[in-house]
């Protein structure tokens, strides 16, 4: 049973890892389409969420709070339709917030590096802060043009890293399976030797 689980886990991990790595490479190669696909997915989710909220609001229209629930459903529905009809707007806003986040994170990391007593950790923190600030400046200074590639590239990198982790995990499972097979073989050999020794003792 354990060998079957390890074997299935190894195969599944490697296949899933390869798929995720392939998707990551595609996302990095086509960041604009990746970002648009993400925005369209978000628009679809908001649209259906708005429709569901309006449906629930009208089903319980006699309960207090109907106006607020209906307003929330209309706003959600309009937000989804706006993103669907204006591709790139949500992506630009997401990229702007991402650039601001990197900027604040870089400043915080630099301050942390200056306050760290361990010199090696302080240097690593300073290097991390400088790189993060540089990335933030690239995003913000080129905004909104940077929205064409930033989100898609980051998604691609994330998919690539997840794929590598899954592939490595599949390799670990395969190694564990081979070790269990070797242990089972050794046990069978020991049992066979014990039976043979008993037979020779009777003779």
C-alpha atoms as a PDB file:
ATOM      1  CA  UNK A   1       0.000   0.000   0.000  1.00  0.00           C
ATOM      2  CA  UNK A   2       2.780   2.416   0.954  1.00  0.00           C
ATOM      3  CA  UNK A   3       4.727   1.574  -2.195  1.00  0.00           C
ATOM      4  CA  UNK A   4       1.633   2.205  -4.313  1.00  0.00           C
ATOM      5  CA  UNK A   5       1.091   5.607  -2.669  1.00  0.00           C
ATOM      6  CA  UNK A   6       4.735   6.603  -3.127  1.00  0.00           C
ATOM      7  CA  UNK A   7       4.689   5.487  -6.754  1.00  0.00           C
ATOM      8  CA  UNK A   8       1.490   7.401  -7.489  1.00  0.00           C
ATOM      9  CA  UNK A   9       2.791  10.462  -5.630  1.00  0.00           C
ATOM     10  CA  UNK A  10       6.059  10.414  -7.553  1.00  0.00           C
ATOM     11  CA  UNK A  11       4.344  10.176 -10.937  1.00  0.00           C
ATOM     12  CA  UNK A  12       1.733  12.801 -10.061  1.00  0.00           C
ATOM     13  CA  UNK A  13       4.312  15.211  -8.620  1.00  0.00           C
ATOM     14  CA  UNK A  14       6.546  15.030 -11.680  1.00  0.00           C
ATOM     15  CA  UNK A  15       3.687  15.359 -14.156  1.00  0.00           C
ATOM     16  CA  UNK A  16       2.160  18.293 -12.261  1.00  0.00           C
ATOM     17  CA  UNK A  17       5.580  19.895 -11.890  1.00  0.00           C
ATOM     18  CA  UNK A  18       6.249  19.627 -15.614  1.00  0.00           C
ATOM     19  CA  UNK A  19       2.829  21.149 -16.414  1.00  0.00           C
ATOM     20  CA  UNK A  20       3.345  24.050 -14.010  1.00  0.00           C
ATOM     21  CA  UNK A  21       6.852  24.698 -15.337  1.00  0.00           C
ATOM     22  CA  UNK A  22       5.527  24.722 -18.904  1.00  0.00           C
ATOM     23  CA  UNK A  23       2.759  27.149 -17.914  1.00  0.00           C
ATOM     24  CA  UNK A  24       5.328  29.340 -16.169  1.00  0.00           C
ATOM     25  CA  UNK A  25       7.527  29.501 -19.259  1.00  0.00           C
ATOM     26  CA  UNK A  26       4.508  30.365 -21.426  1.00  0.00           C
ATOM     27  CA  UNK A  27       3.414  33.069 -18.973  1.00  0.00           C
ATOM     28  CA  UNK A  28       6.889  34.622 -18.938  1.00  0.00           C
ATOM     29  CA  UNK A  29       7.096  34.453 -22.729  1.00  0.00           C
ATOM     30  CA  UNK A  30       3.659  36.106 -23.127  1.00  0.00           C
ATOM     31  CA  UNK A  31       3.226  38.311 -20.021  1.00  0.00           C
ATOM     32  CA  UNK A  32       0.654  40.650 -21.601  1.00  0.00           C
ATOM     33  CA  UNK A  33      -1.705  37.798 -22.515  1.00  0.00           C
ATOM     34  CA  UNK A  34      -1.169  36.238 -19.086  1.00  0.00           C
ATOM     35  CA  UNK A  35      -2.118  39.481 -17.359  1.00  0.00           C
ATOM     36  CA  UNK A  36      -5.183  39.905 -19.555  1.00  0.00           C
ATOM     37  CA  UNK A  37      -6.263  36.322 -18.883  1.00  0.00           C
ATOM     38  CA  UNK A  38      -5.995  36.976 -15.159  1.00  0.00           C
ATOM     39  CA  UNK A  39      -8.001  40.196 -15.506  1.00  0.00           C
ATOM     40  CA  UNK A  40     -10.698  38.473 -17.581  1.00  0.00           C
ATOM     41  CA  UNK A  41     -10.940  35.727 -14.967  1.00  0.00           C
ATOM     42  CA  UNK A  42     -11.362  38.342 -12.249  1.00  0.00           C
ATOM     43  CA  UNK A  43     -13.992  40.128 -14.350  1.00  0.00           C
ATOM     44  CA  UNK A  44     -15.875  36.858 -14.828  1.00  0.00           C
ATOM     45  CA  UNK A  45     -15.798  36.121 -11.101  1.00  0.00           C
ATOM     46  CA  UNK A  46     -17.021  39.627 -10.222  1.00  0.00           C
ATOM     47  CA  UNK A  47     -19.808  39.449 -12.811  1.00  0.00           C
ATOM     48  CA  UNK A  48     -21.179  36.148 -11.542  1.00  0.00           C
ATOM     49  CA  UNK A  49     -20.720  37.272  -7.921  1.00  0.00           C
ATOM     50  CA  UNK A  50     -22.735  40.422  -8.668  1.00  0.00           C
ATOM     51  CA  UNK A  51     -25.511  38.404 -10.311  1.00  0.00           C
ATOM     52  CA  UNK A  52     -25.584  36.019  -7.334  1.00  0.00           C
ATOM     53  CA  UNK A  53     -25.711  38.909  -4.852  1.00  0.00           C
ATOM     54  CA  UNK A  54     -28.592  40.546  -6.720  1.00  0.00           C
ATOM     55  CA  UNK A  55     -30.449  37.225  -6.876  1.00  0.00           C
ATOM     56  CA  UNK A  56     -30.081  36.713  -3.125  1.00  0.00           C
ATOM     57  CA  UNK A  57     -31.038  40.328  -2.435  1.00  0.00           C
ATOM     58  CA  UNK A  58     -34.301  40.039  -4.396  1.00  0.00           C
ATOM     59  CA  UNK A  59     -35.121  36.673  -2.855  1.00  0.00           C
ATOM     60  CA  UNK A  60     -34.916  38.289   0.585  1.00  0.00           C
ATOM     61  CA  UNK A  61     -36.231  41.700  -0.441  1.00  0.00           C
ATOM     62  CA  UNK A  62     -38.707  41.723   2.453  1.00  0.00           C
ATOM     63  CA  UNK A  63     -35.862  41.390   4.974  1.00  0.00           C
ATOM     64  CA  UNK A  64     -34.194  44.544   6.279  1.00  0.00           C
ATOM     65  CA  UNK A  65     -31.013  45.550   4.458  1.00  0.00           C
ATOM     66  CA  UNK A  66     -32.379  44.891   0.973  1.00  0.00           C
ATOM     67  CA  UNK A  67     -31.137  48.238  -0.388  1.00  0.00           C
ATOM     68  CA  UNK A  68     -27.562  47.690   0.811  1.00  0.00           C
ATOM     69  CA  UNK A  69     -27.430  44.128  -0.536  1.00  0.00           C
ATOM     70  CA  UNK A  70     -28.837  45.215  -3.880  1.00  0.00           C
ATOM     71  CA  UNK A  71     -26.393  48.137  -4.095  1.00  0.00           C
ATOM     72  CA  UNK A  72     -23.465  45.842  -3.325  1.00  0.00           C
ATOM     73  CA  UNK A  73     -24.617  43.435  -6.038  1.00  0.00           C
ATOM     74  CA  UNK A  74     -24.956  46.244  -8.603  1.00  0.00           C
ATOM     75  CA  UNK A  75     -21.505  47.636  -7.773  1.00  0.00           C
ATOM     76  CA  UNK A  76     -19.914  44.178  -8.008  1.00  0.00           C
ATOM     77  CA  UNK A  77     -21.680  43.454 -11.309  1.00  0.00           C
ATOM     78  CA  UNK A  78     -20.697  46.817 -12.796  1.00  0.00           C
ATOM     79  CA  UNK A  79     -17.110  46.325 -11.658  1.00  0.00           C
ATOM     80  CA  UNK A  80     -16.933  42.963 -13.414  1.00  0.00           C
ATOM     81  CA  UNK A  81     -18.504  44.352 -16.600  1.00  0.00           C
ATOM     82  CA  UNK A  82     -16.177  47.362 -16.551  1.00  0.00           C
ATOM     83  CA  UNK A  83     -13.098  45.153 -16.302  1.00  0.00           C
ATOM     84  CA  UNK A  84     -14.468  42.913 -19.050  1.00  0.00           C
ATOM     85  CA  UNK A  85     -15.163  45.823 -21.426  1.00  0.00           C
ATOM     86  CA  UNK A  86     -11.957  47.730 -20.600  1.00  0.00           C
ATOM     87  CA  UNK A  87      -9.101  45.228 -20.682  1.00  0.00           C
ATOM     88  CA  UNK A  88      -5.899  46.560 -19.199  1.00  0.00           C
ATOM     89  CA  UNK A  89      -7.451  48.942 -16.654  1.00  0.00           C
ATOM     90  CA  UNK A  90      -7.488  46.444 -13.801  1.00  0.00           C
ATOM     91  CA  UNK A  91      -4.037  45.255 -14.810  1.00  0.00           C
ATOM     92  CA  UNK A  92      -2.694  48.812 -14.646  1.00  0.00           C
ATOM     93  CA  UNK A  93      -4.195  49.356 -11.182  1.00  0.00           C
ATOM     94  CA  UNK A  94      -2.783  46.048  -9.949  1.00  0.00           C
ATOM     95  CA  UNK A  95       0.656  46.963 -11.291  1.00  0.00           C
ATOM     96  CA  UNK A  96       0.528  50.381  -9.607  1.00  0.00           C
ATOM     97  CA  UNK A  97      -0.278  48.860  -6.216  1.00  0.00           C
ATOM     98  CA  UNK A  98       2.421  46.250  -6.772  1.00  0.00           C
ATOM     99  CA  UNK A  99       5.001  48.968  -7.468  1.00  0.00           C
ATOM    100  CA  UNK A 100       3.985  50.899  -4.342  1.00  0.00           C
ATOM    101  CA  UNK A 101       4.175  47.718  -2.273  1.00  0.00           C
ATOM    102  CA  UNK A 102       7.681  46.944  -3.539  1.00  0.00           C
ATOM    103  CA  UNK A 103       8.721  50.528  -2.820  1.00  0.00           C
ATOM    104  CA  UNK A 104       7.521  50.409   0.801  1.00  0.00           C
ATOM    105  CA  UNK A 105       8.898  46.895   1.271  1.00  0.00           C
ATOM    106  CA  UNK A 106      12.291  47.995  -0.065  1.00  0.00           C
ATOM    107  CA  UNK A 107      12.438  50.960   2.315  1.00  0.00           C
ATOM    108  CA  UNK A 108      11.459  48.753   5.256  1.00  0.00           C
ATOM    109  CA  UNK A 109      14.073  46.153   4.333  1.00  0.00           C
ATOM    110  CA  UNK A 110      16.771  48.835   4.092  1.00  0.00           C
ATOM    111  CA  UNK A 111      15.862  50.164   7.538  1.00  0.00           C
ATOM    112  CA  UNK A 112      15.914  46.628   8.913  1.00  0.00           C
ATOM    113  CA  UNK A 113      19.335  46.008   7.370  1.00  0.00           C
ATOM    114  CA  UNK A 114      20.754  49.142   9.018  1.00  0.00           C
ATOM    115  CA  UNK A 115      19.419  48.041  12.403  1.00  0.00           C
ATOM    116  CA  UNK A 116      20.592  44.418  12.183  1.00  0.00           C
ATOM    117  CA  UNK A 117      23.583  43.662  14.421  1.00  0.00           C
ATOM    118  CA  UNK A 118      24.774  40.645  12.444  1.00  0.00           C
ATOM    119  CA  UNK A 119      26.930  42.061   9.603  1.00  0.00           C
ATOM    120  CA  UNK A 120      26.209  39.214   7.171  1.00  0.00           C
ATOM    121  CA  UNK A 121      22.454  39.401   7.696  1.00  0.00           C
ATOM    122  CA  UNK A 122      22.609  43.192   7.513  1.00  0.00           C
ATOM    123  CA  UNK A 123      24.375  43.086   4.154  1.00  0.00           C
ATOM    124  CA  UNK A 124      21.847  40.586   2.784  1.00  0.00           C
ATOM    125  CA  UNK A 125      18.970  42.764   4.000  1.00  0.00           C
ATOM    126  CA  UNK A 126      20.523  45.858   2.420  1.00  0.00           C
ATOM    127  CA  UNK A 127      21.053  44.011  -0.868  1.00  0.00           C
ATOM    128  CA  UNK A 128      17.462  42.762  -0.782  1.00  0.00           C
ATOM    129  CA  UNK A 129      16.209  46.268  -0.074  1.00  0.00           C
ATOM    130  CA  UNK A 130      18.217  47.805  -2.915  1.00  0.00           C
ATOM    131  CA  UNK A 131      16.991  45.177  -5.406  1.00  0.00           C
ATOM    132  CA  UNK A 132      13.383  45.582  -4.249  1.00  0.00           C
ATOM    133  CA  UNK A 133      13.607  49.375  -4.499  1.00  0.00           C
ATOM    134  CA  UNK A 134      15.118  49.092  -7.951  1.00  0.00           C
ATOM    135  CA  UNK A 135      12.295  46.830  -9.070  1.00  0.00           C
ATOM    136  CA  UNK A 136       9.755  49.257  -7.595  1.00  0.00           C
ATOM    137  CA  UNK A 137      11.307  52.207  -9.452  1.00  0.00           C
ATOM    138  CA  UNK A 138      11.300  50.273 -12.724  1.00  0.00           C
ATOM    139  CA  UNK A 139       7.603  49.496 -12.270  1.00  0.00           C
ATOM    140  CA  UNK A 140       6.562  52.980 -11.137  1.00  0.00           C
ATOM    141  CA  UNK A 141       8.669  55.021 -13.561  1.00  0.00           C
ATOM    142  CA  UNK A 142       7.423  52.990 -16.525  1.00  0.00           C
ATOM    143  CA  UNK A 143       3.814  52.841 -15.344  1.00  0.00           C
ATOM    144  CA  UNK A 144       1.298  52.308 -16.971  1.00  0.00           C
ATOM    145  CA  UNK A 145       3.427  50.719 -19.711  1.00  0.00           C
ATOM    146  CA  UNK A 146       4.925  48.356 -17.117  1.00  0.00           C
ATOM    147  CA  UNK A 147       1.493  46.808 -16.595  1.00  0.00           C
ATOM    148  CA  UNK A 148       1.953  45.076 -19.941  1.00  0.00           C
ATOM    149  CA  UNK A 149       4.582  42.704 -18.561  1.00  0.00           C
ATOM    150  CA  UNK A 150       5.034  42.951 -14.766  1.00  0.00           C
ATOM    151  CA  UNK A 151       2.032  40.928 -13.562  1.00  0.00           C
ATOM    152  CA  UNK A 152       2.405  38.280 -16.253  1.00  0.00           C
ATOM    153  CA  UNK A 153       6.123  37.805 -15.553  1.00  0.00           C
ATOM    154  CA  UNK A 154       5.533  37.537 -11.793  1.00  0.00           C
ATOM    155  CA  UNK A 155       2.776  34.976 -12.350  1.00  0.00           C
ATOM    156  CA  UNK A 156       5.068  33.052 -14.683  1.00  0.00           C
ATOM    157  CA  UNK A 157       7.894  33.035 -12.132  1.00  0.00           C
ATOM    158  CA  UNK A 158       5.497  31.826  -9.451  1.00  0.00           C
ATOM    159  CA  UNK A 159       4.200  29.012 -11.669  1.00  0.00           C
ATOM    160  CA  UNK A 160       7.759  28.070 -12.577  1.00  0.00           C
ATOM    161  CA  UNK A 161       8.826  27.894  -8.917  1.00  0.00           C
ATOM    162  CA  UNK A 162       5.754  25.847  -7.988  1.00  0.00           C
ATOM    163  CA  UNK A 163       6.491  23.483 -10.865  1.00  0.00           C
ATOM    164  CA  UNK A 164      10.105  23.026  -9.757  1.00  0.00           C
ATOM    165  CA  UNK A 165       8.971  22.330  -6.182  1.00  0.00           C
ATOM    166  CA  UNK A 166       6.426  19.742  -7.355  1.00  0.00           C
ATOM    167  CA  UNK A 167       8.958  18.069  -9.646  1.00  0.00           C
ATOM    168  CA  UNK A 168      11.522  17.900  -6.846  1.00  0.00           C
ATOM    169  CA  UNK A 169       8.867  16.538  -4.473  1.00  0.00           C
ATOM    170  CA  UNK A 170       8.068  13.868  -7.045  1.00  0.00           C
ATOM    171  CA  UNK A 171      11.753  12.974  -7.174  1.00  0.00           C
ATOM    172  CA  UNK A 172      11.857  12.680  -3.379  1.00  0.00           C
ATOM    173  CA  UNK A 173       8.818  10.390  -3.481  1.00  0.00           C
ATOM    174  CA  UNK A 174      10.487   8.263  -6.167  1.00  0.00           C
ATOM    175  CA  UNK A 175      13.643   8.011  -4.046  1.00  0.00           C
ATOM    176  CA  UNK A 176      11.582   6.988  -1.015  1.00  0.00           C
ATOM    177  CA  UNK A 177       9.844   4.368  -3.145  1.00  0.00           C
ATOM    178  CA  UNK A 178      13.159   2.884  -4.263  1.00  0.00           C
ATOM    179  CA  UNK A 179      14.373   2.784  -0.644  1.00  0.00           C
ATOM    180  CA  UNK A 180      11.191   1.006   0.446  1.00  0.00           C
ATOM    181  CA  UNK A 181      11.604  -1.463  -2.421  1.00  0.00           C
ATOM    182  CA  UNK A 182      15.186  -2.146  -1.331  1.00  0.00           C
ATOM    183  CA  UNK A 183      14.104  -2.652   2.275  1.00  0.00           C
ATOM    184  CA  UNK A 184      11.306  -5.011   1.207  1.00  0.00           C
ATOM    185  CA  UNK A 185      13.745  -6.972  -0.963  1.00  0.00           C
ATOM    186  CA  UNK A 186      16.201  -7.270   1.901  1.00  0.00           C
ATOM    187  CA  UNK A 187      13.430  -8.473   4.193  1.00  0.00           C
ATOM    188  CA  UNK A 188      12.302 -11.094   1.680  1.00  0.00           C
ATOM    189  CA  UNK A 189      15.910 -12.244   1.256  1.00  0.00           C
ATOM    190  CA  UNK A 190      16.363 -12.502   5.027  1.00  0.00           C
ATOM    191  CA  UNK A 191      13.111 -14.460   5.398  1.00  0.00           C
ATOM    192  CA  UNK A 192      14.083 -16.791   2.562  1.00  0.00           C
ATOM    193  CA  UNK A 193      17.518 -17.325   4.121  1.00  0.00           C
ATOM    194  CA  UNK A 194      15.931 -18.065   7.488  1.00  0.00           C
ATOM    195  CA  UNK A 195      13.606 -20.641   5.931  1.00  0.00           C
ATOM    196  CA  UNK A 196      16.520 -22.222   4.063  1.00  0.00           C
ATOM    197  CA  UNK A 197      18.595 -22.405   7.234  1.00  0.00           C
ATOM    198  CA  UNK A 198      15.717 -24.061   9.068  1.00  0.00           C
ATOM    199  CA  UNK A 199      15.335 -26.633   6.275  1.00  0.00           C
ATOM    200  CA  UNK A 200      19.065 -27.391   6.380  1.00  0.00           C
ATOM    201  CA  UNK A 201      18.863 -27.764  10.179  1.00  0.00           C
ATOM    202  CA  UNK A 202      16.093 -30.371   9.863  1.00  0.00           C
ATOM    203  CA  UNK A 203      18.091 -32.303   7.326  1.00  0.00           C
END
